Protein backbone atom coordinates (compact mmCIF):
# COMPACT_ATOMS: atom_id res chain seq x y z
CA MET A 1 -20.77 0.88 26.32
CA SER A 2 -23.94 2.14 24.64
CA SER A 3 -23.80 5.02 22.15
CA LYS A 4 -25.62 7.34 24.58
CA ASP A 5 -22.81 6.83 27.13
CA ILE A 6 -20.06 7.88 24.69
CA LYS A 7 -18.90 11.44 25.21
CA ASP A 8 -20.00 13.87 22.48
CA ASN A 9 -18.97 17.52 22.80
CA GLY A 10 -21.27 18.54 19.98
CA GLU A 11 -18.50 19.70 17.66
CA THR A 12 -19.74 21.05 14.34
CA ILE A 13 -18.48 19.43 11.16
CA GLY A 14 -17.18 22.80 9.99
CA LEU A 15 -14.17 22.20 12.25
CA PHE A 16 -12.39 20.15 9.58
CA GLU A 17 -13.44 22.10 6.51
CA PRO A 18 -12.36 22.47 3.77
CA LEU A 19 -12.36 18.85 2.66
CA MET A 20 -11.20 19.69 -0.87
CA VAL A 21 -8.93 22.35 -2.33
CA SER A 22 -11.37 24.77 -3.95
CA GLU A 23 -11.34 25.78 -7.60
CA SER A 24 -10.64 29.35 -6.46
CA SER A 25 -7.45 28.35 -4.64
CA PRO A 26 -4.29 29.80 -6.25
CA LYS A 27 -2.78 26.32 -5.97
CA ARG A 28 -5.61 24.46 -7.73
CA ALA A 29 -4.20 24.84 -11.25
CA GLU A 30 -0.91 23.20 -10.23
CA LEU A 31 -2.82 20.40 -8.51
CA ASN A 32 -4.94 19.79 -11.62
CA ASP A 33 -1.75 19.49 -13.69
CA LEU A 34 -0.27 17.03 -11.17
CA VAL A 35 -3.45 14.92 -11.29
CA LEU A 36 -3.42 14.75 -15.08
CA ASP A 37 0.30 13.91 -15.17
CA LEU A 38 -0.25 11.18 -12.59
CA ALA A 39 -3.16 9.68 -14.54
CA THR A 40 -1.07 9.63 -17.72
CA ALA A 41 1.96 8.08 -16.03
CA SER A 42 -0.08 5.41 -14.25
CA ALA A 43 -1.87 4.36 -17.45
CA ARG A 44 1.40 4.28 -19.41
CA PHE A 45 3.10 2.08 -16.83
CA ALA A 46 0.19 -0.35 -16.47
CA SER A 47 -0.08 -0.81 -20.24
CA SER A 48 3.66 -1.42 -20.62
CA LEU A 49 3.66 -4.74 -18.73
CA PRO A 50 2.45 -8.14 -19.98
CA ALA A 51 -0.47 -9.39 -17.87
CA SER A 52 1.50 -12.34 -16.46
CA ILE A 53 4.35 -10.10 -15.29
CA ALA A 54 1.93 -7.48 -13.92
CA ASP A 55 0.14 -10.12 -11.83
CA ALA A 56 3.41 -11.40 -10.38
CA LEU A 57 4.63 -7.89 -9.67
CA SER A 58 1.43 -6.92 -7.86
CA ASP A 59 2.02 -9.74 -5.35
CA LEU A 60 5.45 -8.32 -4.52
CA ILE A 61 4.09 -4.77 -4.33
CA ARG A 62 1.64 -5.88 -1.64
CA SER A 63 4.59 -6.99 0.49
CA MET A 64 6.43 -3.78 -0.31
CA ASN A 65 3.41 -1.64 0.54
CA CYS A 66 2.96 -3.51 3.80
CA TYR A 67 6.66 -3.18 4.67
CA TYR A 68 6.75 0.59 4.19
CA SER A 69 3.36 1.24 5.79
CA ASN A 70 4.43 -0.68 8.88
CA LEU A 71 7.80 1.08 8.84
CA ILE A 72 6.02 4.42 9.20
CA GLU A 73 4.44 2.98 12.37
CA GLY A 74 7.87 2.00 13.70
CA HIS A 75 7.48 -1.71 12.90
CA ASN A 76 10.33 -3.04 10.75
CA THR A 77 9.48 -6.43 9.26
CA HIS A 78 11.58 -7.07 6.16
CA PRO A 79 9.74 -8.37 3.05
CA THR A 80 11.70 -11.63 3.17
CA ASP A 81 10.29 -12.22 6.67
CA ILE A 82 6.88 -11.18 5.37
CA GLU A 83 7.26 -13.70 2.54
CA ARG A 84 8.13 -16.40 5.08
CA ALA A 85 4.99 -15.53 7.04
CA LEU A 86 2.89 -15.88 3.90
CA ASN A 87 4.28 -19.43 3.70
CA ASN A 88 3.46 -19.96 7.41
CA ASP A 89 7.16 -19.89 8.33
CA TYR A 90 7.33 -17.81 11.50
CA SER A 91 10.20 -16.64 13.69
CA ALA A 92 10.79 -18.38 17.02
CA ASP A 93 11.09 -14.91 18.57
CA PRO A 94 7.55 -14.02 19.82
CA GLU A 95 7.95 -10.31 19.05
CA LYS A 96 9.15 -10.94 15.48
CA ARG A 97 6.40 -13.52 15.01
CA ASP A 98 3.79 -10.96 16.08
CA LEU A 99 5.14 -8.46 13.55
CA GLN A 100 5.06 -11.14 10.84
CA LEU A 101 1.40 -11.78 11.66
CA GLU A 102 0.74 -8.02 11.56
CA ALA A 103 2.32 -7.84 8.10
CA LYS A 104 0.32 -10.84 6.92
CA ALA A 105 -2.86 -9.11 8.12
CA HIS A 106 -2.02 -5.96 6.16
CA ILE A 107 -1.40 -7.96 2.99
CA ALA A 108 -4.66 -9.86 3.43
CA VAL A 109 -6.60 -6.58 3.58
CA GLN A 110 -4.85 -5.14 0.51
CA LYS A 111 -5.47 -8.37 -1.39
CA TRP A 112 -9.15 -8.10 -0.43
CA ILE A 113 -9.17 -4.54 -1.81
CA ASP A 114 -7.32 -5.59 -4.98
CA GLU A 115 -9.87 -8.33 -5.61
CA GLY A 116 -12.79 -5.91 -5.42
CA GLY A 117 -13.77 -6.55 -1.81
CA LEU A 118 -14.85 -2.97 -1.17
CA GLY A 119 -18.54 -2.97 -1.93
CA GLU A 120 -18.84 0.80 -1.55
CA ASN A 121 -16.74 3.93 -1.94
CA PRO A 122 -13.54 3.60 0.15
CA THR A 123 -14.47 6.77 2.08
CA SER A 124 -17.75 5.36 3.40
CA PRO A 125 -17.83 4.86 7.18
CA GLU A 126 -18.79 1.22 6.64
CA MET A 127 -15.75 0.54 4.43
CA ILE A 128 -13.39 2.44 6.75
CA MET A 129 -14.71 0.33 9.61
CA GLU A 130 -14.42 -2.85 7.52
CA ILE A 131 -10.78 -2.14 6.58
CA HIS A 132 -9.97 -1.71 10.28
CA ARG A 133 -11.92 -4.80 11.27
CA ARG A 134 -10.28 -7.04 8.69
CA PHE A 135 -6.83 -5.83 9.64
CA CYS A 136 -7.24 -6.03 13.41
CA GLU A 137 -9.08 -9.34 13.59
CA LEU A 138 -5.98 -11.03 12.13
CA LEU A 139 -3.60 -9.47 14.66
CA PRO A 140 -2.09 -11.53 17.49
CA PRO A 141 -3.49 -10.77 20.98
CA ASP A 142 -0.35 -8.87 22.07
CA LEU A 143 -0.99 -6.25 19.36
CA LEU A 144 -4.64 -5.72 20.24
CA PHE A 145 -3.97 -3.34 23.10
CA VAL A 146 -3.23 0.38 23.32
CA GLU A 147 -1.30 1.72 26.27
CA ALA A 148 -2.69 4.93 27.78
CA PRO A 149 0.16 7.52 27.83
CA SER A 150 -0.67 8.92 31.27
CA SER A 151 -1.59 5.83 33.28
CA GLY A 152 0.03 2.99 31.34
CA GLU A 153 -3.35 1.24 31.32
CA LYS A 154 -3.71 -1.39 28.59
CA ILE A 155 -6.86 -0.63 26.65
CA PRO A 156 -8.27 -3.41 24.42
CA LEU A 157 -8.47 -2.61 20.72
CA VAL A 158 -11.72 -3.94 19.26
CA PRO A 159 -11.52 -4.67 15.50
CA GLY A 160 -13.79 -2.36 13.49
CA GLU A 161 -14.98 -0.40 16.52
CA PHE A 162 -14.76 3.38 16.69
CA ARG A 163 -12.99 4.73 19.75
CA THR A 164 -14.97 5.52 22.88
CA ARG A 165 -12.25 7.64 24.51
CA ASP A 166 -10.63 10.99 23.95
CA VAL A 167 -7.22 10.90 22.27
CA GLU A 168 -4.35 13.27 21.53
CA VAL A 169 -1.97 12.73 18.63
CA GLY A 170 1.10 14.90 19.01
CA GLN A 171 -0.22 18.46 19.25
CA HIS A 172 -3.60 17.48 17.80
CA VAL A 173 -6.50 16.97 20.19
CA ALA A 174 -8.96 14.78 18.29
CA ILE A 175 -12.71 15.36 18.32
CA SER A 176 -14.78 13.69 21.03
CA PRO A 177 -15.55 10.01 20.41
CA GLY A 178 -19.29 10.52 20.15
CA SER A 179 -18.83 12.92 17.23
CA VAL A 180 -16.75 10.49 15.12
CA PRO A 181 -19.74 9.05 13.15
CA ARG A 182 -20.99 12.54 12.36
CA PHE A 183 -17.63 13.64 10.96
CA LEU A 184 -17.17 10.41 8.99
CA ASP A 185 -20.57 10.91 7.38
CA ARG A 186 -19.49 14.40 6.32
CA LEU A 187 -16.18 13.08 4.98
CA HIS A 188 -18.01 10.50 2.87
CA SER A 189 -20.56 12.99 1.56
CA ALA A 190 -17.73 15.28 0.41
CA TYR A 191 -15.99 12.60 -1.66
CA ARG A 192 -18.59 10.00 -2.61
CA HIS A 193 -19.72 11.65 -5.85
CA ALA A 194 -16.34 12.97 -6.93
CA GLY A 195 -15.42 12.34 -10.57
CA ARG A 196 -12.24 10.60 -11.62
CA ILE A 197 -10.02 13.70 -11.52
CA GLU A 198 -11.54 14.91 -8.25
CA THR A 199 -11.08 11.46 -6.67
CA ILE A 200 -7.36 11.43 -7.50
CA LEU A 201 -6.97 14.80 -5.77
CA ALA A 202 -9.23 13.68 -2.93
CA ALA A 203 -6.98 10.69 -2.17
CA GLY A 204 -4.55 13.06 -0.48
CA CYS A 205 -7.15 15.36 1.06
CA ALA A 206 -9.18 12.49 2.53
CA HIS A 207 -5.98 10.92 3.82
CA HIS A 208 -5.36 13.82 6.19
CA ARG A 209 -8.97 14.45 7.12
CA LEU A 210 -9.44 10.82 8.19
CA LEU A 211 -6.33 11.05 10.35
CA TRP A 212 -7.67 14.32 11.78
CA ILE A 213 -10.87 12.54 12.86
CA HIS A 214 -8.78 9.66 14.28
CA PRO A 215 -11.78 7.29 14.42
CA PHE A 216 -9.99 4.34 16.04
CA LEU A 217 -7.88 3.93 19.14
CA ASP A 218 -5.08 2.56 16.95
CA GLY A 219 -4.49 1.62 13.33
CA ASN A 220 -5.59 4.97 11.87
CA GLY A 221 -2.43 5.46 9.81
CA ARG A 222 -2.69 2.08 8.13
CA VAL A 223 -6.41 2.50 7.50
CA ALA A 224 -5.83 5.96 5.96
CA ARG A 225 -3.10 4.64 3.67
CA LEU A 226 -5.22 1.66 2.61
CA MET A 227 -8.20 3.94 2.00
CA SER A 228 -6.09 6.26 -0.18
CA TYR A 229 -4.61 3.22 -1.94
CA ALA A 230 -8.14 2.01 -2.74
CA MET A 231 -9.21 5.47 -3.97
CA LEU A 232 -6.23 5.66 -6.34
CA LYS A 233 -6.72 2.08 -7.48
CA ASN A 234 -10.33 2.82 -8.41
CA ALA A 235 -9.63 6.15 -10.10
CA LEU A 236 -6.42 5.20 -11.90
CA ASP A 237 -6.86 1.44 -12.35
CA THR A 238 -3.34 1.06 -10.92
CA LYS A 239 -3.58 -2.76 -10.96
CA GLY A 240 -1.60 -2.67 -7.71
CA LEU A 241 1.67 -2.08 -9.58
CA TRP A 242 2.96 0.77 -7.42
CA SER A 243 2.40 2.13 -3.96
CA VAL A 244 2.58 5.58 -2.42
CA ALA A 245 3.58 4.02 0.93
CA ARG A 246 7.20 3.56 -0.20
CA GLY A 247 7.49 7.26 -1.01
CA LEU A 248 5.81 8.34 2.22
CA ALA A 249 8.13 6.16 4.30
CA ARG A 250 11.24 7.38 2.47
CA ASN A 251 10.13 10.97 3.16
CA GLU A 252 8.61 10.29 6.56
CA ALA A 253 9.68 13.56 8.19
CA GLU A 254 8.18 15.63 5.37
CA TYR A 255 5.06 13.44 5.36
CA LYS A 256 4.46 14.01 9.06
CA ARG A 257 5.36 17.70 8.80
CA HIS A 258 2.68 18.16 6.13
CA LEU A 259 0.11 16.26 8.20
CA ALA A 260 0.83 18.47 11.21
CA ALA A 261 0.56 21.62 9.07
CA CYS A 262 -2.86 20.48 7.84
CA ASP A 263 -4.05 20.48 11.46
CA GLN A 264 -3.43 24.23 11.68
CA PRO A 265 -6.24 26.80 11.49
CA ARG A 266 -6.79 29.07 8.50
CA HIS A 267 -4.23 31.88 8.15
CA GLY A 268 -6.22 34.96 7.22
CA ASP A 269 -8.83 35.74 4.57
CA ARG A 270 -6.69 34.47 1.68
CA ASP A 271 -6.43 30.97 3.12
CA GLY A 272 -9.75 29.55 2.02
CA ARG A 273 -13.10 29.75 3.75
CA GLY A 274 -12.94 26.82 6.16
CA THR A 275 -11.71 26.44 9.73
CA LEU A 276 -8.47 24.67 8.73
CA SER A 277 -5.79 25.98 6.39
CA GLU A 278 -6.64 25.36 2.73
CA ALA A 279 -3.09 26.28 1.71
CA ALA A 280 -1.67 23.56 3.98
CA LEU A 281 -4.14 21.03 2.56
CA ALA A 282 -3.12 22.02 -0.98
CA ASP A 283 0.57 21.65 -0.10
CA PHE A 284 -0.04 18.18 1.32
CA ALA A 285 -2.10 17.17 -1.72
CA ALA A 286 0.75 18.33 -3.99
CA PHE A 287 3.30 16.40 -1.90
CA PHE A 288 1.08 13.31 -2.02
CA LEU A 289 0.58 13.48 -5.80
CA LYS A 290 4.28 14.13 -6.48
CA THR A 291 5.15 11.18 -4.25
CA CYS A 292 2.82 8.96 -6.28
CA ALA A 293 4.39 10.15 -9.53
CA ASP A 294 7.90 9.53 -8.18
CA GLN A 295 6.97 5.95 -7.28
CA ILE A 296 5.61 5.26 -10.76
CA LYS A 297 8.80 6.68 -12.27
CA PHE A 298 10.86 4.47 -9.96
CA MET A 299 8.87 1.34 -10.83
CA GLU A 300 9.11 2.13 -14.54
CA SER A 301 12.90 2.29 -14.25
CA LEU A 302 12.98 -1.10 -12.52
CA MET A 303 10.65 -2.75 -15.01
CA ARG A 304 12.29 -1.54 -18.23
CA PRO A 305 12.31 -4.80 -20.22
CA ASP A 306 15.93 -4.64 -21.32
CA ARG A 307 17.33 -3.79 -17.90
CA LEU A 308 15.09 -6.22 -16.02
CA ARG A 309 16.03 -8.99 -18.44
CA ASP A 310 19.75 -8.24 -18.06
CA ARG A 311 19.58 -8.25 -14.25
CA ILE A 312 17.66 -11.53 -14.13
CA LEU A 313 19.89 -13.28 -16.67
CA ILE A 314 23.10 -12.10 -14.97
CA TRP A 315 21.69 -13.50 -11.72
CA ALA A 316 20.84 -16.79 -13.47
CA GLU A 317 24.34 -17.09 -14.90
CA GLU A 318 25.84 -16.61 -11.44
CA GLU A 319 23.49 -19.20 -9.95
CA MET A 320 24.38 -21.70 -12.68
CA ARG A 321 28.10 -21.17 -12.08
CA ALA A 322 27.52 -21.71 -8.36
CA GLY A 323 25.61 -24.91 -9.08
CA THR A 324 22.39 -23.59 -7.52
CA LEU A 325 20.63 -23.74 -10.87
CA PRO A 326 21.19 -26.39 -13.57
CA PRO A 327 22.57 -25.46 -17.01
CA LYS A 328 20.16 -23.84 -19.46
CA SER A 329 18.04 -22.30 -16.68
CA ASP A 330 18.77 -18.90 -18.20
CA THR A 331 17.33 -20.08 -21.54
CA VAL A 332 13.97 -20.78 -19.89
CA LEU A 333 14.00 -17.46 -18.05
CA ARG A 334 14.84 -15.59 -21.25
CA ALA A 335 11.89 -17.20 -23.02
CA VAL A 336 9.51 -16.35 -20.18
CA LEU A 337 10.75 -12.77 -20.13
CA MET A 338 10.22 -12.44 -23.88
CA GLN A 339 6.84 -14.21 -24.06
CA GLY A 340 5.35 -13.60 -20.62
CA SER A 341 4.89 -17.36 -20.07
CA ILE A 342 5.81 -20.70 -21.61
CA LYS A 343 4.04 -24.04 -21.78
CA ARG A 344 5.86 -26.90 -20.12
CA ALA A 345 5.78 -28.98 -23.31
CA ASP A 346 7.48 -26.13 -25.16
CA VAL A 347 10.38 -26.13 -22.69
CA VAL A 348 11.45 -29.58 -23.95
CA THR A 349 11.69 -28.25 -27.50
CA LEU A 350 13.33 -25.02 -26.35
CA LEU A 351 16.11 -26.79 -24.45
CA GLY A 352 16.55 -29.72 -26.81
CA VAL A 353 17.07 -32.15 -23.93
CA THR A 354 15.18 -35.07 -22.43
CA GLU A 355 11.96 -34.58 -20.50
CA ARG A 356 13.79 -35.63 -17.34
CA SER A 357 16.44 -32.93 -17.83
CA THR A 358 13.72 -30.41 -18.61
CA ARG A 359 11.89 -31.24 -15.38
CA ARG A 360 15.14 -30.77 -13.48
CA VAL A 361 15.51 -27.24 -14.87
CA THR A 362 11.89 -26.20 -14.34
CA SER A 363 11.77 -27.74 -10.85
CA ALA A 364 14.88 -25.83 -9.84
CA LEU A 365 13.47 -22.54 -11.11
CA LEU A 366 10.17 -23.17 -9.33
CA GLU A 367 11.87 -24.15 -6.10
CA ILE A 368 14.11 -21.08 -6.01
CA GLY A 369 11.06 -18.91 -6.68
CA ALA A 370 12.07 -17.46 -10.04
CA LEU A 371 9.08 -19.06 -11.76
CA GLN A 372 5.57 -19.93 -10.65
CA SER A 373 2.75 -22.05 -12.01
CA GLU A 374 -0.86 -22.54 -10.98
CA SER A 375 -0.57 -26.33 -11.34
CA THR A 376 1.78 -29.05 -12.52
CA ARG A 377 0.30 -28.72 -16.01
CA ALA A 378 -0.16 -24.95 -16.19
CA PRO A 379 2.26 -22.66 -18.07
CA LEU A 380 5.35 -21.32 -16.34
CA GLN A 381 5.34 -17.63 -15.48
CA LEU A 382 7.80 -15.22 -13.93
CA ALA A 383 7.61 -14.67 -10.17
CA PHE A 384 9.04 -11.84 -8.08
CA PRO A 385 9.97 -13.35 -4.72
CA ALA A 386 11.12 -10.93 -2.03
CA LYS A 387 14.31 -12.91 -1.47
CA LEU A 388 15.43 -12.15 -5.04
CA ALA A 389 14.21 -8.55 -5.18
CA GLY A 390 17.56 -7.16 -4.06
CA ARG A 391 19.16 -8.54 -7.24
CA TRP A 392 16.28 -8.29 -9.66
CA MET A 393 14.81 -4.98 -8.50
CA PRO A 394 17.50 -3.06 -6.59
CA GLY A 395 16.20 -0.25 -4.38
CA LEU A 396 12.69 -1.61 -4.04
CA PHE A 397 13.40 -2.04 -0.35
CA PRO A 398 16.55 -2.20 1.81
CA GLU A 399 18.72 -5.27 1.89
CA GLU A 400 17.83 -7.67 4.69
C-alpha cells in the first residue's frame, strides 16, 4: 500500500499536547526532586559494583527485563526458560518454543541498545522503527499476526512498518494511520534536545505519548518500554543494572490505570494548556520515576556485598554437602567475590592442591554456571545464571 492510500484524517499534533510537564505545573517541583534523587541513586548503585560483577549482573537483568516486559503483555516465559533459549535449548511444546523465541528477540534488542546500537536519540522515528524491526524480525511466524477483534481476520505484522489501519486500544481510539509519521516527528522534536534532567523526566512522558500514538499494529508496549529504557540508560548511565519493567509488571494495574488517565482530556483551566491532562501526565511521570527508584533500592539490597556473599557461600556449602560441587569450591567463590575475578594459575596456590584437583573445582563451578570465563586461559569471574537467581538473588523474579 502506497503512502497516499493510507487513511489520514488530518489530525493536528496539538491533540497529544503537552508532551512535557511544564515548569509552571504545581507538580513540577516534586518531579524535579524525584529526578535528582533517581540520578543520585543510580550513580551510587553503579559505582558500588566491581566491573566484572556489574557485567555479569547486566546479562541477568536483560533476562529479567524481558521476563517482566513480556509478562505485562500476558506472555509468561520464566527466565530459566529464557536462559535455555539463549543456549538454543527449546521446549518441545510449539507454543512455549514460540514464547522462548519471543524472549530471545527481546533480549537481542536490549543487548543491541546496551552496546550502543542506537545511532540517534531513542525518540527518533527511525530508532523507534528500528527497535520494532529488530524485535519482530526475530519472532516466529505464528507471532507475526494480529487478529482483528471484530472479524477475527489474521493481519500480518510487518517488522518495522507503521500501521496502515485504524486501531482502538481499550477506550482509546488511536489517530489515523496516515498521521502517525507526523505525530512521531513532533514527539521527537519535543525530546531530542532535552538536557540530562529533562530527559530523565521525559522517559515517562514519552512512554505514554508513544503508546497514545500507537504507531504499530502490535508490539507498541515493548517498543515503548525499550525506548524509555534507552532514554534512562543514556541519561543516567545505568549500565543495564536495573530495569523499570519489573516495577511496572509488579504494579501492572496501577501502571495501566495511569496510562488510561493520561488519555483523558484537560480538566479545566488549571490543568495545563494542552488538549490532554497535564496533571495526569505529571502523576504518571511521578509513578514512573518512583518505580525506577524502588527498583534501584531493591537491586541495592540484593547486591549488598556481605549479604550476597553469605547467600552464595551458603548455597556452595549445601552443594558441596550434596556432592554437586567438589570440596573447596566455596574457597574459589569467596576469592572471586572479594577480588572480582581470579586468574586460573592463582587458584592452584589458593587451594593448595594439584592442578588436576584445581581443574576439577573450576570445571564444576563453570559447568553449574556459578563462574564464567571468556576462554580456557582467561580469568574466572562470577556469573549470575537464572537457574541460581532464586537462591542468590531472592525476589528478583518468581520461582519457576
